[in-house]
């Protein structure tokens, strides 16, 4: 089932729930992931997306994991695909393999600069922007396409208005769905959606949430993507200090509050960056049922 069909199927009934996982890098991590995956599946998401390793680091695993989820667990999947280190021909070869696995959805991203570089540079014969990648996939046909949105703007964008214009170009290039970067203040998401609609962007805009697991983790992630931590949340994390258990409890409460508010505002879905872990997700889902 492609993105557009999935979101149309549940429109007006309930939000579509999706999880994002990443390919493990070590044998121990792979073994742990295979134990965690059934627990995540047991929470009954509507689909999973699998992130993409640049320069061949985990890109083959991306497709293998997505295929396993689809074939073994009978759950719809999407492969992430980036412009990093890939020519047009290599992108086509990856799309051929994805299609051969019966996977119908792709999350199209420019991708981050390779490690050690501060500026993105397209390889010869490749693409420099996600817009070009979306056009390529759409011209080829056969896939649902999701793109990224940044409620607090992309780190490289000079301002939010410029970033929103770029989002409009991605939407017009053929995106079916917009999944946002993580955020911790729902007001940023609501303003983002309002601006997108004012520009004529009509695609579903799905909020992306990353539950806190530790104070160090959230500070590292927010520095990487530019998301801000609200003052109250930051104060709670400071009080938790190096106690990761307390930080995780704070994170679970924060995520539950965000979800409850988002659901009250009728969001089309929620995308969770689960970090290949299940225990905190099980707690969150349990809290929402009470």
C-alpha atoms as a PDB file:
ATOM      1  CA  UNK A   1       0.000   0.000   0.000  1.00  0.00           C
ATOM      2  CA  UNK A   2       1.433   3.368  -1.011  1.00  0.00           C
ATOM      3  CA  UNK A   3       1.526   6.372   1.315  1.00  0.00           C
ATOM      4  CA  UNK A   4      -1.366   8.192  -0.349  1.00  0.00           C
ATOM      5  CA  UNK A   5      -3.600   5.116  -0.141  1.00  0.00           C
ATOM      6  CA  UNK A   6      -2.740   4.450   3.502  1.00  0.00           C
ATOM      7  CA  UNK A   7      -3.448   7.975   4.665  1.00  0.00           C
ATOM      8  CA  UNK A   8      -6.636   8.208   2.602  1.00  0.00           C
ATOM      9  CA  UNK A   9      -7.853   4.894   4.069  1.00  0.00           C
ATOM     10  CA  UNK A  10      -7.863   6.179   7.664  1.00  0.00           C
ATOM     11  CA  UNK A  11      -8.631   9.851   7.032  1.00  0.00           C
ATOM     12  CA  UNK A  12     -11.277  11.054   9.460  1.00  0.00           C
ATOM     13  CA  UNK A  13     -11.131   7.799  11.444  1.00  0.00           C
ATOM     14  CA  UNK A  14      -7.792   7.697  13.250  1.00  0.00           C
ATOM     15  CA  UNK A  15      -4.188   8.826  12.837  1.00  0.00           C
ATOM     16  CA  UNK A  16      -1.720   6.658  10.933  1.00  0.00           C
ATOM     17  CA  UNK A  17       1.080   5.450  13.220  1.00  0.00           C
ATOM     18  CA  UNK A  18       4.571   4.824  11.878  1.00  0.00           C
ATOM     19  CA  UNK A  19       7.939   3.893  13.386  1.00  0.00           C
ATOM     20  CA  UNK A  20      11.401   4.696  12.075  1.00  0.00           C
ATOM     21  CA  UNK A  21      14.233   2.215  12.661  1.00  0.00           C
ATOM     22  CA  UNK A  22      17.840   2.173  11.495  1.00  0.00           C
ATOM     23  CA  UNK A  23      20.109  -0.645  10.261  1.00  0.00           C
ATOM     24  CA  UNK A  24      22.298  -1.999  13.099  1.00  0.00           C
ATOM     25  CA  UNK A  25      26.050  -1.680  12.534  1.00  0.00           C
ATOM     26  CA  UNK A  26      27.437  -4.591  14.619  1.00  0.00           C
ATOM     27  CA  UNK A  27      26.589  -8.249  15.066  1.00  0.00           C
ATOM     28  CA  UNK A  28      25.515  -7.621  18.661  1.00  0.00           C
ATOM     29  CA  UNK A  29      23.272  -4.753  17.555  1.00  0.00           C
ATOM     30  CA  UNK A  30      21.758  -6.910  14.813  1.00  0.00           C
ATOM     31  CA  UNK A  31      20.987  -9.667  17.324  1.00  0.00           C
ATOM     32  CA  UNK A  32      19.389  -7.155  19.690  1.00  0.00           C
ATOM     33  CA  UNK A  33      17.369  -5.584  16.878  1.00  0.00           C
ATOM     34  CA  UNK A  34      15.867  -8.950  15.947  1.00  0.00           C
ATOM     35  CA  UNK A  35      14.668  -9.300  19.545  1.00  0.00           C
ATOM     36  CA  UNK A  36      13.260  -5.782  19.676  1.00  0.00           C
ATOM     37  CA  UNK A  37      11.538  -5.820  16.288  1.00  0.00           C
ATOM     38  CA  UNK A  38       8.667  -8.180  17.278  1.00  0.00           C
ATOM     39  CA  UNK A  39       7.991  -5.978  20.324  1.00  0.00           C
ATOM     40  CA  UNK A  40       7.717  -2.915  18.101  1.00  0.00           C
ATOM     41  CA  UNK A  41       5.511  -4.821  15.649  1.00  0.00           C
ATOM     42  CA  UNK A  42       3.324  -5.804  18.608  1.00  0.00           C
ATOM     43  CA  UNK A  43       2.441  -2.139  19.111  1.00  0.00           C
ATOM     44  CA  UNK A  44       0.668  -2.372  15.740  1.00  0.00           C
ATOM     45  CA  UNK A  45       2.106   0.538  13.759  1.00  0.00           C
ATOM     46  CA  UNK A  46       0.667   0.963  10.269  1.00  0.00           C
ATOM     47  CA  UNK A  47       4.102   0.979   8.668  1.00  0.00           C
ATOM     48  CA  UNK A  48       7.817   1.277   9.381  1.00  0.00           C
ATOM     49  CA  UNK A  49      10.504   3.263   7.644  1.00  0.00           C
ATOM     50  CA  UNK A  50      14.144   2.158   7.548  1.00  0.00           C
ATOM     51  CA  UNK A  51      16.919   4.740   7.373  1.00  0.00           C
ATOM     52  CA  UNK A  52      19.631   4.723   4.753  1.00  0.00           C
ATOM     53  CA  UNK A  53      23.386   4.492   5.281  1.00  0.00           C
ATOM     54  CA  UNK A  54      25.386   6.741   3.007  1.00  0.00           C
ATOM     55  CA  UNK A  55      28.355   5.644   0.888  1.00  0.00           C
ATOM     56  CA  UNK A  56      27.392   1.975   1.158  1.00  0.00           C
ATOM     57  CA  UNK A  57      27.735   1.837   4.961  1.00  0.00           C
ATOM     58  CA  UNK A  58      24.304   0.283   5.615  1.00  0.00           C
ATOM     59  CA  UNK A  59      22.347   0.913   2.418  1.00  0.00           C
ATOM     60  CA  UNK A  60      22.086  -2.782   1.556  1.00  0.00           C
ATOM     61  CA  UNK A  61      20.849  -3.532   5.062  1.00  0.00           C
ATOM     62  CA  UNK A  62      18.182  -0.856   4.666  1.00  0.00           C
ATOM     63  CA  UNK A  63      16.515  -2.836   1.910  1.00  0.00           C
ATOM     64  CA  UNK A  64      17.092  -6.207   3.605  1.00  0.00           C
ATOM     65  CA  UNK A  65      15.490  -5.030   6.861  1.00  0.00           C
ATOM     66  CA  UNK A  66      12.561  -3.399   5.060  1.00  0.00           C
ATOM     67  CA  UNK A  67      11.964  -6.603   3.112  1.00  0.00           C
ATOM     68  CA  UNK A  68      12.111  -8.717   6.280  1.00  0.00           C
ATOM     69  CA  UNK A  69       9.562  -6.478   8.007  1.00  0.00           C
ATOM     70  CA  UNK A  70       7.245  -6.667   5.019  1.00  0.00           C
ATOM     71  CA  UNK A  71       7.590 -10.382   4.288  1.00  0.00           C
ATOM     72  CA  UNK A  72       7.999 -11.887   7.765  1.00  0.00           C
ATOM     73  CA  UNK A  73       5.853  -9.485   9.777  1.00  0.00           C
ATOM     74  CA  UNK A  74       3.367  -8.517   7.036  1.00  0.00           C
ATOM     75  CA  UNK A  75       3.803  -4.817   7.739  1.00  0.00           C
ATOM     76  CA  UNK A  76       4.083  -2.083   5.127  1.00  0.00           C
ATOM     77  CA  UNK A  77       7.552  -0.545   4.922  1.00  0.00           C
ATOM     78  CA  UNK A  78       9.366   2.357   3.330  1.00  0.00           C
ATOM     79  CA  UNK A  79      13.051   2.626   2.484  1.00  0.00           C
ATOM     80  CA  UNK A  80      14.848   5.893   3.017  1.00  0.00           C
ATOM     81  CA  UNK A  81      16.861   7.006  -0.014  1.00  0.00           C
ATOM     82  CA  UNK A  82      19.328   9.902  -0.124  1.00  0.00           C
ATOM     83  CA  UNK A  83      21.407  11.769  -2.666  1.00  0.00           C
ATOM     84  CA  UNK A  84      24.626  11.107  -0.734  1.00  0.00           C
ATOM     85  CA  UNK A  85      27.281   9.381  -2.832  1.00  0.00           C
ATOM     86  CA  UNK A  86      24.859   8.076  -5.469  1.00  0.00           C
ATOM     87  CA  UNK A  87      24.707   8.723  -9.188  1.00  0.00           C
ATOM     88  CA  UNK A  88      21.404   8.626 -11.053  1.00  0.00           C
ATOM     89  CA  UNK A  89      22.267   5.146 -12.262  1.00  0.00           C
ATOM     90  CA  UNK A  90      22.979   3.947  -8.722  1.00  0.00           C
ATOM     91  CA  UNK A  91      19.709   5.454  -7.519  1.00  0.00           C
ATOM     92  CA  UNK A  92      17.882   3.548 -10.255  1.00  0.00           C
ATOM     93  CA  UNK A  93      19.645   0.319  -9.248  1.00  0.00           C
ATOM     94  CA  UNK A  94      18.541   0.834  -5.636  1.00  0.00           C
ATOM     95  CA  UNK A  95      14.976   1.586  -6.740  1.00  0.00           C
ATOM     96  CA  UNK A  96      15.020  -1.597  -8.848  1.00  0.00           C
ATOM     97  CA  UNK A  97      16.007  -3.610  -5.792  1.00  0.00           C
ATOM     98  CA  UNK A  98      13.450  -1.929  -3.568  1.00  0.00           C
ATOM     99  CA  UNK A  99      10.705  -2.631  -6.112  1.00  0.00           C
ATOM    100  CA  UNK A 100      11.839  -6.251  -6.503  1.00  0.00           C
ATOM    101  CA  UNK A 101      11.253  -6.697  -2.744  1.00  0.00           C
ATOM    102  CA  UNK A 102       7.658  -5.566  -3.133  1.00  0.00           C
ATOM    103  CA  UNK A 103       8.270  -2.321  -1.234  1.00  0.00           C
ATOM    104  CA  UNK A 104       6.122   0.496  -2.588  1.00  0.00           C
ATOM    105  CA  UNK A 105       7.251   3.512  -0.558  1.00  0.00           C
ATOM    106  CA  UNK A 106      10.386   5.656  -0.390  1.00  0.00           C
ATOM    107  CA  UNK A 107      11.359   8.472   1.963  1.00  0.00           C
ATOM    108  CA  UNK A 108      13.353  10.803  -0.309  1.00  0.00           C
ATOM    109  CA  UNK A 109      16.014  12.929   1.417  1.00  0.00           C
ATOM    110  CA  UNK A 110      19.047  14.892   0.372  1.00  0.00           C
ATOM    111  CA  UNK A 111      20.987  13.433   3.273  1.00  0.00           C
ATOM    112  CA  UNK A 112      23.690  14.881   5.503  1.00  0.00           C
ATOM    113  CA  UNK A 113      27.211  15.687   4.281  1.00  0.00           C
ATOM    114  CA  UNK A 114      29.578  12.723   4.687  1.00  0.00           C
ATOM    115  CA  UNK A 115      31.399  12.522   8.017  1.00  0.00           C
ATOM    116  CA  UNK A 116      34.158  15.101   8.253  1.00  0.00           C
ATOM    117  CA  UNK A 117      32.542  17.466   5.734  1.00  0.00           C
ATOM    118  CA  UNK A 118      30.475  20.521   6.557  1.00  0.00           C
ATOM    119  CA  UNK A 119      28.977  21.204   3.137  1.00  0.00           C
ATOM    120  CA  UNK A 120      26.937  18.867   0.942  1.00  0.00           C
ATOM    121  CA  UNK A 121      28.411  18.183  -2.481  1.00  0.00           C
ATOM    122  CA  UNK A 122      26.701  16.056  -5.084  1.00  0.00           C
ATOM    123  CA  UNK A 123      28.787  13.366  -6.758  1.00  0.00           C
ATOM    124  CA  UNK A 124      29.252  13.666 -10.495  1.00  0.00           C
ATOM    125  CA  UNK A 125      26.091  12.358 -12.106  1.00  0.00           C
ATOM    126  CA  UNK A 126      24.149  12.694  -8.863  1.00  0.00           C
ATOM    127  CA  UNK A 127      21.737  15.125  -7.247  1.00  0.00           C
ATOM    128  CA  UNK A 128      22.319  18.057  -4.912  1.00  0.00           C
ATOM    129  CA  UNK A 129      18.765  18.478  -3.616  1.00  0.00           C
ATOM    130  CA  UNK A 130      15.888  16.293  -2.422  1.00  0.00           C
ATOM    131  CA  UNK A 131      13.685  18.089  -4.970  1.00  0.00           C
ATOM    132  CA  UNK A 132      15.671  16.498  -7.781  1.00  0.00           C
ATOM    133  CA  UNK A 133      15.495  13.089  -6.125  1.00  0.00           C
ATOM    134  CA  UNK A 134      11.709  13.359  -5.723  1.00  0.00           C
ATOM    135  CA  UNK A 135      11.342  14.286  -9.402  1.00  0.00           C
ATOM    136  CA  UNK A 136      13.518  11.318 -10.370  1.00  0.00           C
ATOM    137  CA  UNK A 137      11.451   8.858  -8.334  1.00  0.00           C
ATOM    138  CA  UNK A 138       8.159  10.328  -9.518  1.00  0.00           C
ATOM    139  CA  UNK A 139       9.243  10.219 -13.175  1.00  0.00           C
ATOM    140  CA  UNK A 140      10.201   6.587 -12.773  1.00  0.00           C
ATOM    141  CA  UNK A 141       6.853   5.805 -11.128  1.00  0.00           C
ATOM    142  CA  UNK A 142       5.721   2.930  -8.942  1.00  0.00           C
ATOM    143  CA  UNK A 143       6.434   4.430  -5.510  1.00  0.00           C
ATOM    144  CA  UNK A 144       4.747   6.494  -2.856  1.00  0.00           C
ATOM    145  CA  UNK A 145       7.096   9.299  -1.829  1.00  0.00           C
ATOM    146  CA  UNK A 146       7.538  11.010   1.541  1.00  0.00           C
ATOM    147  CA  UNK A 147       9.790  14.014   2.181  1.00  0.00           C
ATOM    148  CA  UNK A 148      11.088  15.775   5.271  1.00  0.00           C
ATOM    149  CA  UNK A 149       9.765  18.995   6.783  1.00  0.00           C
ATOM    150  CA  UNK A 150      11.450  21.137   9.421  1.00  0.00           C
ATOM    151  CA  UNK A 151       9.122  22.942  11.867  1.00  0.00           C
ATOM    152  CA  UNK A 152      12.034  25.005  13.196  1.00  0.00           C
ATOM    153  CA  UNK A 153      13.734  25.212   9.751  1.00  0.00           C
ATOM    154  CA  UNK A 154      16.591  23.166   8.324  1.00  0.00           C
ATOM    155  CA  UNK A 155      19.946  23.995   9.908  1.00  0.00           C
ATOM    156  CA  UNK A 156      21.318  25.174   6.560  1.00  0.00           C
ATOM    157  CA  UNK A 157      18.356  27.398   5.670  1.00  0.00           C
ATOM    158  CA  UNK A 158      18.810  31.143   6.303  1.00  0.00           C
ATOM    159  CA  UNK A 159      15.269  31.458   7.666  1.00  0.00           C
ATOM    160  CA  UNK A 160      12.000  29.536   7.955  1.00  0.00           C
ATOM    161  CA  UNK A 161      10.317  31.307   5.036  1.00  0.00           C
ATOM    162  CA  UNK A 162      13.126  30.263   2.677  1.00  0.00           C
ATOM    163  CA  UNK A 163      12.922  26.715   3.983  1.00  0.00           C
ATOM    164  CA  UNK A 164       9.136  26.673   3.483  1.00  0.00           C
ATOM    165  CA  UNK A 165       9.550  27.691  -0.161  1.00  0.00           C
ATOM    166  CA  UNK A 166      11.915  24.766  -0.622  1.00  0.00           C
ATOM    167  CA  UNK A 167       9.322  22.494   0.990  1.00  0.00           C
ATOM    168  CA  UNK A 168       6.731  23.751  -1.486  1.00  0.00           C
ATOM    169  CA  UNK A 169       9.088  22.783  -4.328  1.00  0.00           C
ATOM    170  CA  UNK A 170       9.480  19.288  -2.878  1.00  0.00           C
ATOM    171  CA  UNK A 171       5.727  18.948  -2.545  1.00  0.00           C
ATOM    172  CA  UNK A 172       5.184  20.130  -6.112  1.00  0.00           C
ATOM    173  CA  UNK A 173       7.856  17.730  -7.383  1.00  0.00           C
ATOM    174  CA  UNK A 174       5.613  14.826  -6.416  1.00  0.00           C
ATOM    175  CA  UNK A 175       5.667  14.151  -2.665  1.00  0.00           C
ATOM    176  CA  UNK A 176       2.660  12.310  -1.227  1.00  0.00           C
ATOM    177  CA  UNK A 177       3.515  12.946   2.392  1.00  0.00           C
ATOM    178  CA  UNK A 178       5.588  15.255   4.605  1.00  0.00           C
ATOM    179  CA  UNK A 179       7.145  13.842   7.792  1.00  0.00           C
ATOM    180  CA  UNK A 180       8.582  16.427  10.149  1.00  0.00           C
ATOM    181  CA  UNK A 181      11.864  16.530  11.958  1.00  0.00           C
ATOM    182  CA  UNK A 182      11.571  15.992  15.718  1.00  0.00           C
ATOM    183  CA  UNK A 183      10.332  18.848  17.892  1.00  0.00           C
ATOM    184  CA  UNK A 184       9.372  19.301  21.546  1.00  0.00           C
ATOM    185  CA  UNK A 185       7.021  22.270  21.375  1.00  0.00           C
ATOM    186  CA  UNK A 186       3.802  21.480  19.489  1.00  0.00           C
ATOM    187  CA  UNK A 187       3.297  25.159  18.748  1.00  0.00           C
ATOM    188  CA  UNK A 188       6.222  24.963  16.328  1.00  0.00           C
ATOM    189  CA  UNK A 189       4.433  22.177  14.458  1.00  0.00           C
ATOM    190  CA  UNK A 190       1.125  24.040  14.328  1.00  0.00           C
ATOM    191  CA  UNK A 191       2.806  27.199  12.989  1.00  0.00           C
ATOM    192  CA  UNK A 192       4.645  25.090  10.429  1.00  0.00           C
ATOM    193  CA  UNK A 193       1.422  23.495   9.181  1.00  0.00           C
ATOM    194  CA  UNK A 194      -0.279  26.897   9.017  1.00  0.00           C
ATOM    195  CA  UNK A 195       2.546  28.321   6.905  1.00  0.00           C
ATOM    196  CA  UNK A 196       2.530  25.272   4.633  1.00  0.00           C
ATOM    197  CA  UNK A 197      -1.209  25.528   3.999  1.00  0.00           C
ATOM    198  CA  UNK A 198      -0.873  29.261   3.298  1.00  0.00           C
ATOM    199  CA  UNK A 199       1.647  28.376   0.575  1.00  0.00           C
ATOM    200  CA  UNK A 200      -0.800  25.925  -0.991  1.00  0.00           C
ATOM    201  CA  UNK A 201       0.847  22.725   0.276  1.00  0.00           C
ATOM    202  CA  UNK A 202      -1.955  20.179   0.595  1.00  0.00           C
ATOM    203  CA  UNK A 203      -0.148  16.927   1.462  1.00  0.00           C
ATOM    204  CA  UNK A 204      -0.598  15.367   4.935  1.00  0.00           C
ATOM    205  CA  UNK A 205       1.998  16.798   7.325  1.00  0.00           C
ATOM    206  CA  UNK A 206       2.865  14.162   9.911  1.00  0.00           C
ATOM    207  CA  UNK A 207       4.556  15.207  13.163  1.00  0.00           C
ATOM    208  CA  UNK A 208       7.739  13.325  13.976  1.00  0.00           C
ATOM    209  CA  UNK A 209       8.457  12.624  17.662  1.00  0.00           C
ATOM    210  CA  UNK A 210      11.606  11.309  19.318  1.00  0.00           C
ATOM    211  CA  UNK A 211      11.017  10.290  22.950  1.00  0.00           C
ATOM    212  CA  UNK A 212      13.803  11.235  25.336  1.00  0.00           C
ATOM    213  CA  UNK A 213      15.958   8.404  26.642  1.00  0.00           C
ATOM    214  CA  UNK A 214      18.690  10.421  28.356  1.00  0.00           C
ATOM    215  CA  UNK A 215      19.722  14.004  28.853  1.00  0.00           C
ATOM    216  CA  UNK A 216      22.932  13.519  26.880  1.00  0.00           C
ATOM    217  CA  UNK A 217      21.095  11.938  23.962  1.00  0.00           C
ATOM    218  CA  UNK A 218      18.585  14.721  23.574  1.00  0.00           C
ATOM    219  CA  UNK A 219      21.202  17.467  23.782  1.00  0.00           C
ATOM    220  CA  UNK A 220      23.260  15.697  21.113  1.00  0.00           C
ATOM    221  CA  UNK A 221      20.282  15.236  18.812  1.00  0.00           C
ATOM    222  CA  UNK A 222      18.933  18.748  19.164  1.00  0.00           C
ATOM    223  CA  UNK A 223      22.373  20.207  18.450  1.00  0.00           C
ATOM    224  CA  UNK A 224      22.527  18.132  15.268  1.00  0.00           C
ATOM    225  CA  UNK A 225      19.094  19.097  13.932  1.00  0.00           C
ATOM    226  CA  UNK A 226      18.494  22.504  15.522  1.00  0.00           C
ATOM    227  CA  UNK A 227      15.381  21.570  17.526  1.00  0.00           C
ATOM    228  CA  UNK A 228      14.998  23.552  20.718  1.00  0.00           C
ATOM    229  CA  UNK A 229      14.201  22.159  24.157  1.00  0.00           C
ATOM    230  CA  UNK A 230      11.411  24.103  25.937  1.00  0.00           C
ATOM    231  CA  UNK A 231      12.509  25.819  29.143  1.00  0.00           C
ATOM    232  CA  UNK A 232      10.401  23.648  31.470  1.00  0.00           C
ATOM    233  CA  UNK A 233      11.661  20.441  29.847  1.00  0.00           C
ATOM    234  CA  UNK A 234      15.259  21.673  29.941  1.00  0.00           C
ATOM    235  CA  UNK A 235      14.925  22.445  33.648  1.00  0.00           C
ATOM    236  CA  UNK A 236      13.534  18.977  34.366  1.00  0.00           C
ATOM    237  CA  UNK A 237      16.428  17.379  32.512  1.00  0.00           C
ATOM    238  CA  UNK A 238      18.954  19.450  34.426  1.00  0.00           C
ATOM    239  CA  UNK A 239      17.403  18.319  37.697  1.00  0.00           C
ATOM    240  CA  UNK A 240      17.683  14.689  36.522  1.00  0.00           C
ATOM    241  CA  UNK A 241      21.432  15.178  36.041  1.00  0.00           C
ATOM    242  CA  UNK A 242      23.114  11.974  34.906  1.00  0.00           C
ATOM    243  CA  UNK A 243      20.255   9.749  36.029  1.00  0.00           C
ATOM    244  CA  UNK A 244      19.099   8.251  32.715  1.00  0.00           C
ATOM    245  CA  UNK A 245      16.143   6.510  34.365  1.00  0.00           C
ATOM    246  CA  UNK A 246      14.777   9.859  35.566  1.00  0.00           C
ATOM    247  CA  UNK A 247      15.480  11.409  32.156  1.00  0.00           C
ATOM    248  CA  UNK A 248      13.583   8.604  30.427  1.00  0.00           C
ATOM    249  CA  UNK A 249      10.610   9.068  32.757  1.00  0.00           C
ATOM    250  CA  UNK A 250      10.638  12.762  31.907  1.00  0.00           C
ATOM    251  CA  UNK A 251      10.799  11.852  28.234  1.00  0.00           C
ATOM    252  CA  UNK A 252       7.853   9.493  28.441  1.00  0.00           C
ATOM    253  CA  UNK A 253       5.709  12.110  30.180  1.00  0.00           C
ATOM    254  CA  UNK A 254       6.740  14.748  27.623  1.00  0.00           C
ATOM    255  CA  UNK A 255       5.921  12.498  24.669  1.00  0.00           C
ATOM    256  CA  UNK A 256       2.554  11.464  26.087  1.00  0.00           C
ATOM    257  CA  UNK A 257       1.623  15.114  26.607  1.00  0.00           C
ATOM    258  CA  UNK A 258       2.675  15.960  23.061  1.00  0.00           C
ATOM    259  CA  UNK A 259       0.705  13.064  21.605  1.00  0.00           C
ATOM    260  CA  UNK A 260      -2.456  13.879  23.534  1.00  0.00           C
ATOM    261  CA  UNK A 261      -2.343  17.473  22.338  1.00  0.00           C
ATOM    262  CA  UNK A 262      -1.568  16.483  18.730  1.00  0.00           C
ATOM    263  CA  UNK A 263      -4.437  13.996  18.680  1.00  0.00           C
ATOM    264  CA  UNK A 264      -6.783  16.649  20.044  1.00  0.00           C
ATOM    265  CA  UNK A 265      -5.790  18.806  17.072  1.00  0.00           C
ATOM    266  CA  UNK A 266      -6.639  16.019  14.599  1.00  0.00           C
ATOM    267  CA  UNK A 267      -3.198  15.266  13.145  1.00  0.00           C
ATOM    268  CA  UNK A 268      -3.212  12.817  10.212  1.00  0.00           C
ATOM    269  CA  UNK A 269      -0.630  10.583  11.839  1.00  0.00           C
ATOM    270  CA  UNK A 270       2.370  10.401  14.175  1.00  0.00           C
ATOM    271  CA  UNK A 271       5.831   9.212  13.162  1.00  0.00           C
ATOM    272  CA  UNK A 272       8.044   7.931  15.984  1.00  0.00           C
ATOM    273  CA  UNK A 273      11.841   7.909  15.874  1.00  0.00           C
ATOM    274  CA  UNK A 274      12.099   4.842  18.086  1.00  0.00           C
ATOM    275  CA  UNK A 275      15.911   4.460  18.089  1.00  0.00           C
ATOM    276  CA  UNK A 276      15.602   0.656  17.713  1.00  0.00           C
ATOM    277  CA  UNK A 277      14.232   0.329  21.239  1.00  0.00           C
ATOM    278  CA  UNK A 278      10.854  -0.898  22.405  1.00  0.00           C
ATOM    279  CA  UNK A 279      10.559  -0.563  26.197  1.00  0.00           C
ATOM    280  CA  UNK A 280       9.883   3.185  26.222  1.00  0.00           C
ATOM    281  CA  UNK A 281       7.466   2.878  23.285  1.00  0.00           C
ATOM    282  CA  UNK A 282       5.510   0.204  25.150  1.00  0.00           C
ATOM    283  CA  UNK A 283       5.297   2.516  28.162  1.00  0.00           C
ATOM    284  CA  UNK A 284       4.103   5.425  26.019  1.00  0.00           C
ATOM    285  CA  UNK A 285       1.405   3.357  24.311  1.00  0.00           C
ATOM    286  CA  UNK A 286       0.310   1.967  27.659  1.00  0.00           C
ATOM    287  CA  UNK A 287       0.044   5.471  29.153  1.00  0.00           C
ATOM    288  CA  UNK A 288      -2.093   6.608  26.225  1.00  0.00           C
ATOM    289  CA  UNK A 289      -4.581   3.807  26.871  1.00  0.00           C
ATOM    290  CA  UNK A 290      -5.175   4.769  30.510  1.00  0.00           C
END
